[in-house]
Amino acid sequence: AAIALSKAGTEIRIGFGENAIEIPLRLPFSWKLFYFGSVAFAVGNFLYRTFCPPLIRDYSTFTEFEHEGKGPDFILDQFLETSFNLVEHGSTAKKDYGKCIVREFLTHFTDKVVSDQKTTTESSPDDDGFEQYMNRLLPNYDAKRDGKITIAKPKVAASFWYARDAANESGGGLRALCSWSYIFGYCAFLWVALQGFMYVVRV
């Protein structure tokens, strides 16, 4: 509709006998800016809904998390997924951070005893991946024999915030792209609104 109006004349004259009413058709704003602002919002929303970790996207507080009926298993799964992505796909600093938080999480929030053997987080091209690092942290762990890793009940709330903070450190590139998409969209719509306001003032 905006494109059609932009290609039409600047006004329509409707006659009533000897009198005529002039209806302006010229858009008081740039439809292209409006269009690209809408696209930017759509891109930002798509990135957020698709790639934002569920602990951040769906739950702003632990109370909301509890009301949804989620439990410690969900926290553990999300945390391990975050750690895996950091260790396997992150930069050297992100790899080291991912290994560090895995060790701390297992030590402080689960029922598993982390090995004291050398578990250096210094990365190198042939350094251990996520699975190998987990095996070094829990060298005697057997899921079939010992059961799955569980979070201690008194520490579920604390583990939620720890896992949520860890998730916030992942996906830096996508988070930046999403943020800039929203910023461009807001700026575009702000300028469109300003154009409309100035048009009304002039008229």
C-alpha atoms as a PDB file:
ATOM      1  CA  ALA A   1       0.000   0.000   0.000  1.00  0.00           C
ATOM      2  CA  ALA A   2       2.822   2.395   0.874  1.00  0.00           C
ATOM      3  CA  ILE A   3       4.578   1.623  -2.420  1.00  0.00           C
ATOM      4  CA  ALA A   4       1.358   2.176  -4.400  1.00  0.00           C
ATOM      5  CA  LEU A   5       0.752   5.528  -2.724  1.00  0.00           C
ATOM      6  CA  SER A   6       4.328   6.605  -3.316  1.00  0.00           C
ATOM      7  CA  LYS A   7       3.817   6.088  -7.062  1.00  0.00           C
ATOM      8  CA  ALA A   8       0.510   7.925  -7.153  1.00  0.00           C
ATOM      9  CA  GLY A   9       0.113  11.671  -7.494  1.00  0.00           C
ATOM     10  CA  THR A  10       0.661  14.031  -4.617  1.00  0.00           C
ATOM     11  CA  GLU A  11      -3.043  14.616  -4.073  1.00  0.00           C
ATOM     12  CA  ILE A  12      -6.605  13.691  -5.095  1.00  0.00           C
ATOM     13  CA  ARG A  13      -9.220  16.348  -5.872  1.00  0.00           C
ATOM     14  CA  ILE A  14     -12.832  15.444  -5.145  1.00  0.00           C
ATOM     15  CA  GLY A  15     -15.324  17.891  -6.533  1.00  0.00           C
ATOM     16  CA  PHE A  16     -18.660  18.845  -4.964  1.00  0.00           C
ATOM     17  CA  GLY A  17     -20.322  21.203  -7.381  1.00  0.00           C
ATOM     18  CA  GLU A  18     -18.204  24.345  -7.491  1.00  0.00           C
ATOM     19  CA  ASN A  19     -16.164  23.243  -4.492  1.00  0.00           C
ATOM     20  CA  ALA A  20     -13.399  20.643  -4.331  1.00  0.00           C
ATOM     21  CA  ILE A  21     -11.639  18.879  -1.535  1.00  0.00           C
ATOM     22  CA  GLU A  22      -7.944  18.175  -1.870  1.00  0.00           C
ATOM     23  CA  ILE A  23      -6.753  14.975  -0.179  1.00  0.00           C
ATOM     24  CA  PRO A  24      -2.925  14.743   0.052  1.00  0.00           C
ATOM     25  CA  LEU A  25      -1.488  11.374  -0.934  1.00  0.00           C
ATOM     26  CA  ARG A  26       2.204  12.049  -0.482  1.00  0.00           C
ATOM     27  CA  LEU A  27       3.648   9.828   2.213  1.00  0.00           C
ATOM     28  CA  PRO A  28       4.944  11.821   5.184  1.00  0.00           C
ATOM     29  CA  PHE A  29       7.757   9.295   5.666  1.00  0.00           C
ATOM     30  CA  SER A  30      10.154   7.116   3.710  1.00  0.00           C
ATOM     31  CA  TRP A  31       8.423   3.830   2.963  1.00  0.00           C
ATOM     32  CA  LYS A  32      11.798   2.242   2.187  1.00  0.00           C
ATOM     33  CA  LEU A  33      13.060   3.086   5.655  1.00  0.00           C
ATOM     34  CA  PHE A  34       9.831   1.726   7.125  1.00  0.00           C
ATOM     35  CA  TYR A  35      10.218  -1.479   5.119  1.00  0.00           C
ATOM     36  CA  PHE A  36      13.852  -2.091   6.041  1.00  0.00           C
ATOM     37  CA  GLY A  37      13.090  -1.302   9.682  1.00  0.00           C
ATOM     38  CA  SER A  38      10.395  -3.989   9.621  1.00  0.00           C
ATOM     39  CA  VAL A  39      12.801  -6.458   8.034  1.00  0.00           C
ATOM     40  CA  ALA A  40      15.413  -5.691  10.682  1.00  0.00           C
ATOM     41  CA  PHE A  41      12.892  -6.394  13.453  1.00  0.00           C
ATOM     42  CA  ALA A  42      11.875  -9.649  11.759  1.00  0.00           C
ATOM     43  CA  VAL A  43      15.502 -10.787  11.468  1.00  0.00           C
ATOM     44  CA  GLY A  44      16.246  -9.879  15.082  1.00  0.00           C
ATOM     45  CA  ASN A  45      13.144 -11.700  16.318  1.00  0.00           C
ATOM     46  CA  PHE A  46      13.975 -14.787  14.242  1.00  0.00           C
ATOM     47  CA  LEU A  47      17.523 -14.939  15.604  1.00  0.00           C
ATOM     48  CA  TYR A  48      16.303 -14.459  19.160  1.00  0.00           C
ATOM     49  CA  ARG A  49      13.565 -17.094  18.994  1.00  0.00           C
ATOM     50  CA  THR A  50      15.758 -19.609  17.154  1.00  0.00           C
ATOM     51  CA  PHE A  51      19.174 -19.319  18.769  1.00  0.00           C
ATOM     52  CA  CYS A  52      18.682 -17.785  22.211  1.00  0.00           C
ATOM     53  CA  PRO A  53      19.247 -20.444  24.924  1.00  0.00           C
ATOM     54  CA  PRO A  54      15.911 -21.479  26.524  1.00  0.00           C
ATOM     55  CA  LEU A  55      17.110 -20.609  30.023  1.00  0.00           C
ATOM     56  CA  ILE A  56      17.456 -16.985  28.906  1.00  0.00           C
ATOM     57  CA  ARG A  57      14.645 -16.763  26.353  1.00  0.00           C
ATOM     58  CA  ASP A  58      11.901 -18.430  28.386  1.00  0.00           C
ATOM     59  CA  TYR A  59      12.757 -17.763  32.026  1.00  0.00           C
ATOM     60  CA  SER A  60      13.786 -14.466  33.556  1.00  0.00           C
ATOM     61  CA  THR A  61      13.520 -15.794  37.122  1.00  0.00           C
ATOM     62  CA  PHE A  62      13.833 -19.128  38.887  1.00  0.00           C
ATOM     63  CA  THR A  63      10.209 -18.792  40.023  1.00  0.00           C
ATOM     64  CA  GLU A  64       9.040 -18.788  36.396  1.00  0.00           C
ATOM     65  CA  PHE A  65      11.207 -21.835  35.780  1.00  0.00           C
ATOM     66  CA  GLU A  66       9.594 -23.697  38.690  1.00  0.00           C
ATOM     67  CA  HIS A  67       6.072 -22.724  37.634  1.00  0.00           C
ATOM     68  CA  GLU A  68       6.711 -24.253  34.214  1.00  0.00           C
ATOM     69  CA  GLY A  69       7.369 -27.562  35.943  1.00  0.00           C
ATOM     70  CA  LYS A  70      10.970 -27.763  34.797  1.00  0.00           C
ATOM     71  CA  GLY A  71      13.495 -29.487  37.019  1.00  0.00           C
ATOM     72  CA  PRO A  72      17.223 -29.986  37.586  1.00  0.00           C
ATOM     73  CA  ASP A  73      17.549 -32.378  34.640  1.00  0.00           C
ATOM     74  CA  PHE A  74      16.582 -29.562  32.276  1.00  0.00           C
ATOM     75  CA  ILE A  75      19.164 -27.264  33.883  1.00  0.00           C
ATOM     76  CA  LEU A  76      21.875 -29.899  33.554  1.00  0.00           C
ATOM     77  CA  ASP A  77      21.032 -30.622  29.914  1.00  0.00           C
ATOM     78  CA  GLN A  78      21.089 -26.929  29.023  1.00  0.00           C
ATOM     79  CA  PHE A  79      24.327 -26.349  30.888  1.00  0.00           C
ATOM     80  CA  LEU A  80      26.094 -29.290  29.257  1.00  0.00           C
ATOM     81  CA  GLU A  81      24.903 -28.134  25.827  1.00  0.00           C
ATOM     82  CA  THR A  82      26.276 -24.655  26.513  1.00  0.00           C
ATOM     83  CA  SER A  83      29.579 -26.051  27.748  1.00  0.00           C
ATOM     84  CA  PHE A  84      29.844 -28.367  24.753  1.00  0.00           C
ATOM     85  CA  ASN A  85      29.388 -25.479  22.315  1.00  0.00           C
ATOM     86  CA  LEU A  86      31.953 -23.355  24.144  1.00  0.00           C
ATOM     87  CA  VAL A  87      34.580 -26.113  24.249  1.00  0.00           C
ATOM     88  CA  GLU A  88      34.001 -27.498  20.764  1.00  0.00           C
ATOM     89  CA  HIS A  89      33.265 -24.332  18.779  1.00  0.00           C
ATOM     90  CA  GLY A  90      34.543 -21.378  20.788  1.00  0.00           C
ATOM     91  CA  SER A  91      37.733 -19.372  20.606  1.00  0.00           C
ATOM     92  CA  THR A  92      40.706 -20.347  22.764  1.00  0.00           C
ATOM     93  CA  ALA A  93      39.438 -18.137  25.588  1.00  0.00           C
ATOM     94  CA  LYS A  94      35.912 -19.576  25.261  1.00  0.00           C
ATOM     95  CA  LYS A  95      37.264 -23.142  25.289  1.00  0.00           C
ATOM     96  CA  ASP A  96      39.140 -22.468  28.507  1.00  0.00           C
ATOM     97  CA  TYR A  97      36.096 -20.791  30.028  1.00  0.00           C
ATOM     98  CA  GLY A  98      33.878 -23.722  29.024  1.00  0.00           C
ATOM     99  CA  LYS A  99      36.189 -26.237  30.695  1.00  0.00           C
ATOM    100  CA  CYS A 100      36.461 -24.099  33.808  1.00  0.00           C
ATOM    101  CA  ILE A 101      32.708 -23.795  34.314  1.00  0.00           C
ATOM    102  CA  VAL A 102      32.175 -27.522  33.717  1.00  0.00           C
ATOM    103  CA  ARG A 103      34.579 -28.350  36.517  1.00  0.00           C
ATOM    104  CA  GLU A 104      33.019 -25.788  38.855  1.00  0.00           C
ATOM    105  CA  PHE A 105      29.474 -26.901  38.052  1.00  0.00           C
ATOM    106  CA  LEU A 106      30.217 -30.569  38.683  1.00  0.00           C
ATOM    107  CA  THR A 107      32.089 -29.713  41.874  1.00  0.00           C
ATOM    108  CA  HIS A 108      29.544 -27.368  43.448  1.00  0.00           C
ATOM    109  CA  PHE A 109      26.148 -28.510  42.186  1.00  0.00           C
ATOM    110  CA  THR A 110      26.232 -32.271  41.504  1.00  0.00           C
ATOM    111  CA  ASP A 111      26.733 -35.453  43.469  1.00  0.00           C
ATOM    112  CA  LYS A 112      29.803 -36.492  41.496  1.00  0.00           C
ATOM    113  CA  VAL A 113      33.348 -36.291  42.811  1.00  0.00           C
ATOM    114  CA  VAL A 114      35.585 -34.557  40.291  1.00  0.00           C
ATOM    115  CA  SER A 115      39.014 -36.088  39.782  1.00  0.00           C
ATOM    116  CA  ASP A 116      42.035 -34.263  41.194  1.00  0.00           C
ATOM    117  CA  GLN A 117      44.242 -35.491  38.393  1.00  0.00           C
ATOM    118  CA  LYS A 118      45.661 -32.980  35.939  1.00  0.00           C
ATOM    119  CA  THR A 119      42.779 -31.318  34.093  1.00  0.00           C
ATOM    120  CA  THR A 120      44.526 -28.339  32.553  1.00  0.00           C
ATOM    121  CA  THR A 121      42.360 -25.926  30.615  1.00  0.00           C
ATOM    122  CA  GLU A 122      45.241 -24.618  28.533  1.00  0.00           C
ATOM    123  CA  SER A 123      44.069 -25.087  24.971  1.00  0.00           C
ATOM    124  CA  SER A 124      46.192 -26.208  22.037  1.00  0.00           C
ATOM    125  CA  PRO A 125      45.356 -27.418  18.520  1.00  0.00           C
ATOM    126  CA  ASP A 126      45.377 -31.075  19.667  1.00  0.00           C
ATOM    127  CA  ASP A 127      43.809 -30.468  23.079  1.00  0.00           C
ATOM    128  CA  ASP A 128      40.999 -32.626  24.397  1.00  0.00           C
ATOM    129  CA  GLY A 129      37.487 -32.028  23.197  1.00  0.00           C
ATOM    130  CA  PHE A 130      34.458 -31.852  25.455  1.00  0.00           C
ATOM    131  CA  GLU A 131      33.921 -35.605  25.833  1.00  0.00           C
ATOM    132  CA  GLN A 132      37.581 -36.279  26.557  1.00  0.00           C
ATOM    133  CA  TYR A 133      37.650 -33.515  29.150  1.00  0.00           C
ATOM    134  CA  MET A 134      34.534 -34.905  30.838  1.00  0.00           C
ATOM    135  CA  ASN A 135      36.178 -38.333  30.945  1.00  0.00           C
ATOM    136  CA  ARG A 136      39.207 -36.848  32.672  1.00  0.00           C
ATOM    137  CA  LEU A 137      37.025 -35.052  35.205  1.00  0.00           C
ATOM    138  CA  LEU A 138      35.028 -38.203  35.950  1.00  0.00           C
ATOM    139  CA  PRO A 139      37.432 -41.034  35.063  1.00  0.00           C
ATOM    140  CA  ASN A 140      35.514 -43.745  36.933  1.00  0.00           C
ATOM    141  CA  TYR A 141      32.028 -42.605  36.022  1.00  0.00           C
ATOM    142  CA  ASP A 142      29.778 -45.122  34.316  1.00  0.00           C
ATOM    143  CA  ALA A 143      26.257 -43.898  33.539  1.00  0.00           C
ATOM    144  CA  LYS A 144      24.837 -47.411  33.401  1.00  0.00           C
ATOM    145  CA  ARG A 145      26.420 -48.367  36.718  1.00  0.00           C
ATOM    146  CA  ASP A 146      26.333 -45.103  38.663  1.00  0.00           C
ATOM    147  CA  GLY A 147      23.239 -43.529  37.187  1.00  0.00           C
ATOM    148  CA  LYS A 148      23.042 -40.134  35.542  1.00  0.00           C
ATOM    149  CA  ILE A 149      24.587 -37.004  36.982  1.00  0.00           C
ATOM    150  CA  THR A 150      22.117 -35.222  39.227  1.00  0.00           C
ATOM    151  CA  ILE A 151      21.996 -31.766  40.805  1.00  0.00           C
ATOM    152  CA  ALA A 152      21.657 -31.704  44.583  1.00  0.00           C
ATOM    153  CA  LYS A 153      18.141 -30.516  45.536  1.00  0.00           C
ATOM    154  CA  PRO A 154      19.261 -27.665  47.853  1.00  0.00           C
ATOM    155  CA  LYS A 155      21.355 -26.274  44.994  1.00  0.00           C
ATOM    156  CA  VAL A 156      18.837 -26.312  42.148  1.00  0.00           C
ATOM    157  CA  ALA A 157      18.121 -22.557  42.324  1.00  0.00           C
ATOM    158  CA  ALA A 158      21.821 -21.664  42.438  1.00  0.00           C
ATOM    159  CA  SER A 159      22.562 -24.053  39.560  1.00  0.00           C
ATOM    160  CA  PHE A 160      19.788 -22.384  37.504  1.00  0.00           C
ATOM    161  CA  TRP A 161      21.460 -18.975  37.777  1.00  0.00           C
ATOM    162  CA  TYR A 162      24.914 -20.437  37.173  1.00  0.00           C
ATOM    163  CA  ALA A 163      23.739 -22.240  34.029  1.00  0.00           C
ATOM    164  CA  ARG A 164      21.855 -19.139  32.860  1.00  0.00           C
ATOM    165  CA  ASP A 165      24.944 -16.942  33.271  1.00  0.00           C
ATOM    166  CA  ALA A 166      27.011 -19.519  31.376  1.00  0.00           C
ATOM    167  CA  ALA A 167      24.491 -19.551  28.526  1.00  0.00           C
ATOM    168  CA  ASN A 168      24.772 -15.780  28.338  1.00  0.00           C
ATOM    169  CA  GLU A 169      28.451 -16.183  27.433  1.00  0.00           C
ATOM    170  CA  SER A 170      27.720 -18.325  24.386  1.00  0.00           C
ATOM    171  CA  GLY A 171      26.759 -17.280  20.873  1.00  0.00           C
ATOM    172  CA  GLY A 172      28.465 -13.886  20.974  1.00  0.00           C
ATOM    173  CA  GLY A 173      28.329 -13.367  17.216  1.00  0.00           C
ATOM    174  CA  LEU A 174      24.635 -14.198  16.915  1.00  0.00           C
ATOM    175  CA  ARG A 175      23.831 -12.078  19.968  1.00  0.00           C
ATOM    176  CA  ALA A 176      25.607  -9.099  18.412  1.00  0.00           C
ATOM    177  CA  LEU A 177      23.801  -9.581  15.078  1.00  0.00           C
ATOM    178  CA  CYS A 178      20.458  -9.837  16.868  1.00  0.00           C
ATOM    179  CA  SER A 179      21.174  -6.703  18.909  1.00  0.00           C
ATOM    180  CA  TRP A 180      22.196  -4.660  15.868  1.00  0.00           C
ATOM    181  CA  SER A 181      19.080  -5.806  13.996  1.00  0.00           C
ATOM    182  CA  TYR A 182      16.876  -4.512  16.811  1.00  0.00           C
ATOM    183  CA  ILE A 183      18.884  -1.286  17.106  1.00  0.00           C
ATOM    184  CA  PHE A 184      18.556  -0.591  13.376  1.00  0.00           C
ATOM    185  CA  GLY A 185      14.827  -1.379  13.486  1.00  0.00           C
ATOM    186  CA  TYR A 186      14.230   0.963  16.431  1.00  0.00           C
ATOM    187  CA  CYS A 187      16.267   3.747  14.822  1.00  0.00           C
ATOM    188  CA  ALA A 188      14.423   3.347  11.513  1.00  0.00           C
ATOM    189  CA  PHE A 189      10.984   3.508  13.145  1.00  0.00           C
ATOM    190  CA  LEU A 190      12.068   6.438  15.311  1.00  0.00           C
ATOM    191  CA  TRP A 191      13.116   8.356  12.205  1.00  0.00           C
ATOM    192  CA  VAL A 192       9.862   7.436  10.441  1.00  0.00           C
ATOM    193  CA  ALA A 193       7.889   8.696  13.446  1.00  0.00           C
ATOM    194  CA  LEU A 194       9.939  11.902  13.445  1.00  0.00           C
ATOM    195  CA  GLN A 195       9.243  12.409   9.750  1.00  0.00           C
ATOM    196  CA  GLY A 196       5.522  12.018  10.377  1.00  0.00           C
ATOM    197  CA  PHE A 197       5.625  14.451  13.274  1.00  0.00           C
ATOM    198  CA  MET A 198       7.484  17.076  11.247  1.00  0.00           C
ATOM    199  CA  TYR A 199       5.026  16.643   8.380  1.00  0.00           C
ATOM    200  CA  VAL A 200       2.085  17.295  10.724  1.00  0.00           C
ATOM    201  CA  VAL A 201       3.827  20.376  12.148  1.00  0.00           C
ATOM    202  CA  ARG A 202       4.478  21.806   8.682  1.00  0.00           C
ATOM    203  CA  VAL A 203       0.943  21.117   7.445  1.00  0.00           C
END
